[in-house]
Amino acid sequence: MTEPTQPPAGRPEPLGVERAPTGNADVDAHLARLADADDLDASGHLAVYEDVHQGLRDALGALDQRPGPSPAPTRPYDNRS
């Protein structure tokens, strides 16, 4: 059995958090950027997190701009008993 490798002395240790694909390429790309924080000291994490947060906000906002399905037509006087 092999033992896990340790980062070189003085280097941050990656958290190893797995990220499952969401099916949205734009969202997945932003979430993949979180891995950049693994190679940074804690002082560099904020910039990565803010960038990812803004990217995810933009991606979600873009969903609001897409037209959704049209509602079914209604006939106001078609109420039969």
C-alpha atoms as a PDB file:
ATOM      1  CA  MET A   1       0.000   0.000   0.000  1.00  0.00           C
ATOM      2  CA  THR A   2       1.413   3.393  -0.944  1.00  0.00           C
ATOM      3  CA  GLU A   3       1.327   6.279   1.456  1.00  0.00           C
ATOM      4  CA  PRO A   4      -0.088   9.625   0.340  1.00  0.00           C
ATOM      5  CA  THR A   5       2.500  12.065  -0.867  1.00  0.00           C
ATOM      6  CA  GLN A   6       3.140  15.106   1.274  1.00  0.00           C
ATOM      7  CA  PRO A   7       3.668  18.558  -0.212  1.00  0.00           C
ATOM      8  CA  PRO A   8       7.183  19.968   0.026  1.00  0.00           C
ATOM      9  CA  ALA A   9       7.965  21.668   3.323  1.00  0.00           C
ATOM     10  CA  GLY A  10       6.558  25.175   3.476  1.00  0.00           C
ATOM     11  CA  ARG A  11       3.995  24.543   0.725  1.00  0.00           C
ATOM     12  CA  PRO A  12       0.247  24.492   1.427  1.00  0.00           C
ATOM     13  CA  GLU A  13      -1.466  21.126   1.397  1.00  0.00           C
ATOM     14  CA  PRO A  14      -4.387  20.776  -1.050  1.00  0.00           C
ATOM     15  CA  LEU A  15      -7.714  20.048   0.608  1.00  0.00           C
ATOM     16  CA  GLY A  16      -8.593  17.365  -1.928  1.00  0.00           C
ATOM     17  CA  VAL A  17     -12.236  18.413  -2.211  1.00  0.00           C
ATOM     18  CA  GLU A  18     -13.866  16.621  -5.128  1.00  0.00           C
ATOM     19  CA  ARG A  19     -16.089  18.626  -7.457  1.00  0.00           C
ATOM     20  CA  ALA A  20     -18.784  16.807  -9.400  1.00  0.00           C
ATOM     21  CA  PRO A  21     -19.686  18.177 -12.843  1.00  0.00           C
ATOM     22  CA  THR A  22     -22.905  20.195 -12.901  1.00  0.00           C
ATOM     23  CA  GLY A  23     -23.643  19.739 -16.594  1.00  0.00           C
ATOM     24  CA  ASN A  24     -23.255  23.468 -17.247  1.00  0.00           C
ATOM     25  CA  ALA A  25     -19.879  24.084 -18.896  1.00  0.00           C
ATOM     26  CA  ASP A  26     -19.665  27.695 -17.691  1.00  0.00           C
ATOM     27  CA  VAL A  27     -20.385  26.772 -14.060  1.00  0.00           C
ATOM     28  CA  ASP A  28     -18.005  23.789 -14.228  1.00  0.00           C
ATOM     29  CA  ALA A  29     -15.199  26.028 -15.514  1.00  0.00           C
ATOM     30  CA  HIS A  30     -15.648  28.427 -12.598  1.00  0.00           C
ATOM     31  CA  LEU A  31     -15.747  25.598 -10.070  1.00  0.00           C
ATOM     32  CA  ALA A  32     -12.581  24.099 -11.580  1.00  0.00           C
ATOM     33  CA  ARG A  33     -10.866  27.413 -10.867  1.00  0.00           C
ATOM     34  CA  LEU A  34     -11.201  26.630  -7.150  1.00  0.00           C
ATOM     35  CA  ALA A  35      -8.314  24.192  -7.608  1.00  0.00           C
ATOM     36  CA  ASP A  36      -6.054  27.214  -8.154  1.00  0.00           C
ATOM     37  CA  ALA A  37      -6.358  27.951  -4.443  1.00  0.00           C
ATOM     38  CA  ASP A  38      -4.655  24.623  -3.657  1.00  0.00           C
ATOM     39  CA  ASP A  39      -1.292  26.033  -4.730  1.00  0.00           C
ATOM     40  CA  LEU A  40      -1.622  29.320  -2.867  1.00  0.00           C
ATOM     41  CA  ASP A  41      -1.017  30.390   0.692  1.00  0.00           C
ATOM     42  CA  ALA A  42      -4.189  31.310   2.573  1.00  0.00           C
ATOM     43  CA  SER A  43      -3.577  34.986   1.790  1.00  0.00           C
ATOM     44  CA  GLY A  44      -4.151  34.239  -1.916  1.00  0.00           C
ATOM     45  CA  HIS A  45      -7.390  32.306  -1.462  1.00  0.00           C
ATOM     46  CA  LEU A  46      -9.623  35.366  -1.233  1.00  0.00           C
ATOM     47  CA  ALA A  47      -8.825  36.542  -4.763  1.00  0.00           C
ATOM     48  CA  VAL A  48      -9.626  33.097  -6.187  1.00  0.00           C
ATOM     49  CA  TYR A  49     -12.850  32.786  -4.181  1.00  0.00           C
ATOM     50  CA  GLU A  50     -14.016  36.264  -5.190  1.00  0.00           C
ATOM     51  CA  ASP A  51     -13.271  35.525  -8.853  1.00  0.00           C
ATOM     52  CA  VAL A  52     -15.175  32.229  -8.714  1.00  0.00           C
ATOM     53  CA  HIS A  53     -18.070  33.831  -6.831  1.00  0.00           C
ATOM     54  CA  GLN A  54     -18.403  36.611  -9.411  1.00  0.00           C
ATOM     55  CA  GLY A  55     -18.180  34.113 -12.269  1.00  0.00           C
ATOM     56  CA  LEU A  56     -20.910  31.958 -10.746  1.00  0.00           C
ATOM     57  CA  ARG A  57     -23.121  35.022 -10.180  1.00  0.00           C
ATOM     58  CA  ASP A  58     -22.645  35.987 -13.834  1.00  0.00           C
ATOM     59  CA  ALA A  59     -23.425  32.436 -15.003  1.00  0.00           C
ATOM     60  CA  LEU A  60     -26.594  32.308 -12.909  1.00  0.00           C
ATOM     61  CA  GLY A  61     -27.604  35.783 -14.056  1.00  0.00           C
ATOM     62  CA  ALA A  62     -27.226  34.662 -17.660  1.00  0.00           C
ATOM     63  CA  LEU A  63     -29.802  31.944 -17.010  1.00  0.00           C
ATOM     64  CA  ASP A  64     -32.329  34.674 -16.192  1.00  0.00           C
ATOM     65  CA  GLN A  65     -31.683  36.260 -19.589  1.00  0.00           C
ATOM     66  CA  ARG A  66     -32.584  33.120 -21.544  1.00  0.00           C
ATOM     67  CA  PRO A  67     -36.193  32.814 -22.614  1.00  0.00           C
ATOM     68  CA  GLY A  68     -37.984  29.967 -20.914  1.00  0.00           C
ATOM     69  CA  PRO A  69     -40.771  27.820 -22.287  1.00  0.00           C
ATOM     70  CA  SER A  70     -43.900  29.640 -23.344  1.00  0.00           C
ATOM     71  CA  PRO A  71     -46.870  29.185 -21.036  1.00  0.00           C
ATOM     72  CA  ALA A  72     -49.755  27.152 -22.365  1.00  0.00           C
ATOM     73  CA  PRO A  73     -52.363  29.330 -24.046  1.00  0.00           C
ATOM     74  CA  THR A  74     -55.389  30.000 -21.891  1.00  0.00           C
ATOM     75  CA  ARG A  75     -58.958  30.515 -22.954  1.00  0.00           C
ATOM     76  CA  PRO A  76     -60.675  32.555 -20.234  1.00  0.00           C
ATOM     77  CA  TYR A  77     -64.218  31.552 -21.253  1.00  0.00           C
ATOM     78  CA  ASP A  78     -63.641  27.837 -21.596  1.00  0.00           C
ATOM     79  CA  ASN A  79     -64.893  26.840 -18.132  1.00  0.00           C
ATOM     80  CA  ARG A  80     -67.366  24.050 -18.682  1.00  0.00           C
ATOM     81  CA  SER A  81     -69.089  22.322 -15.823  1.00  0.00           C
END
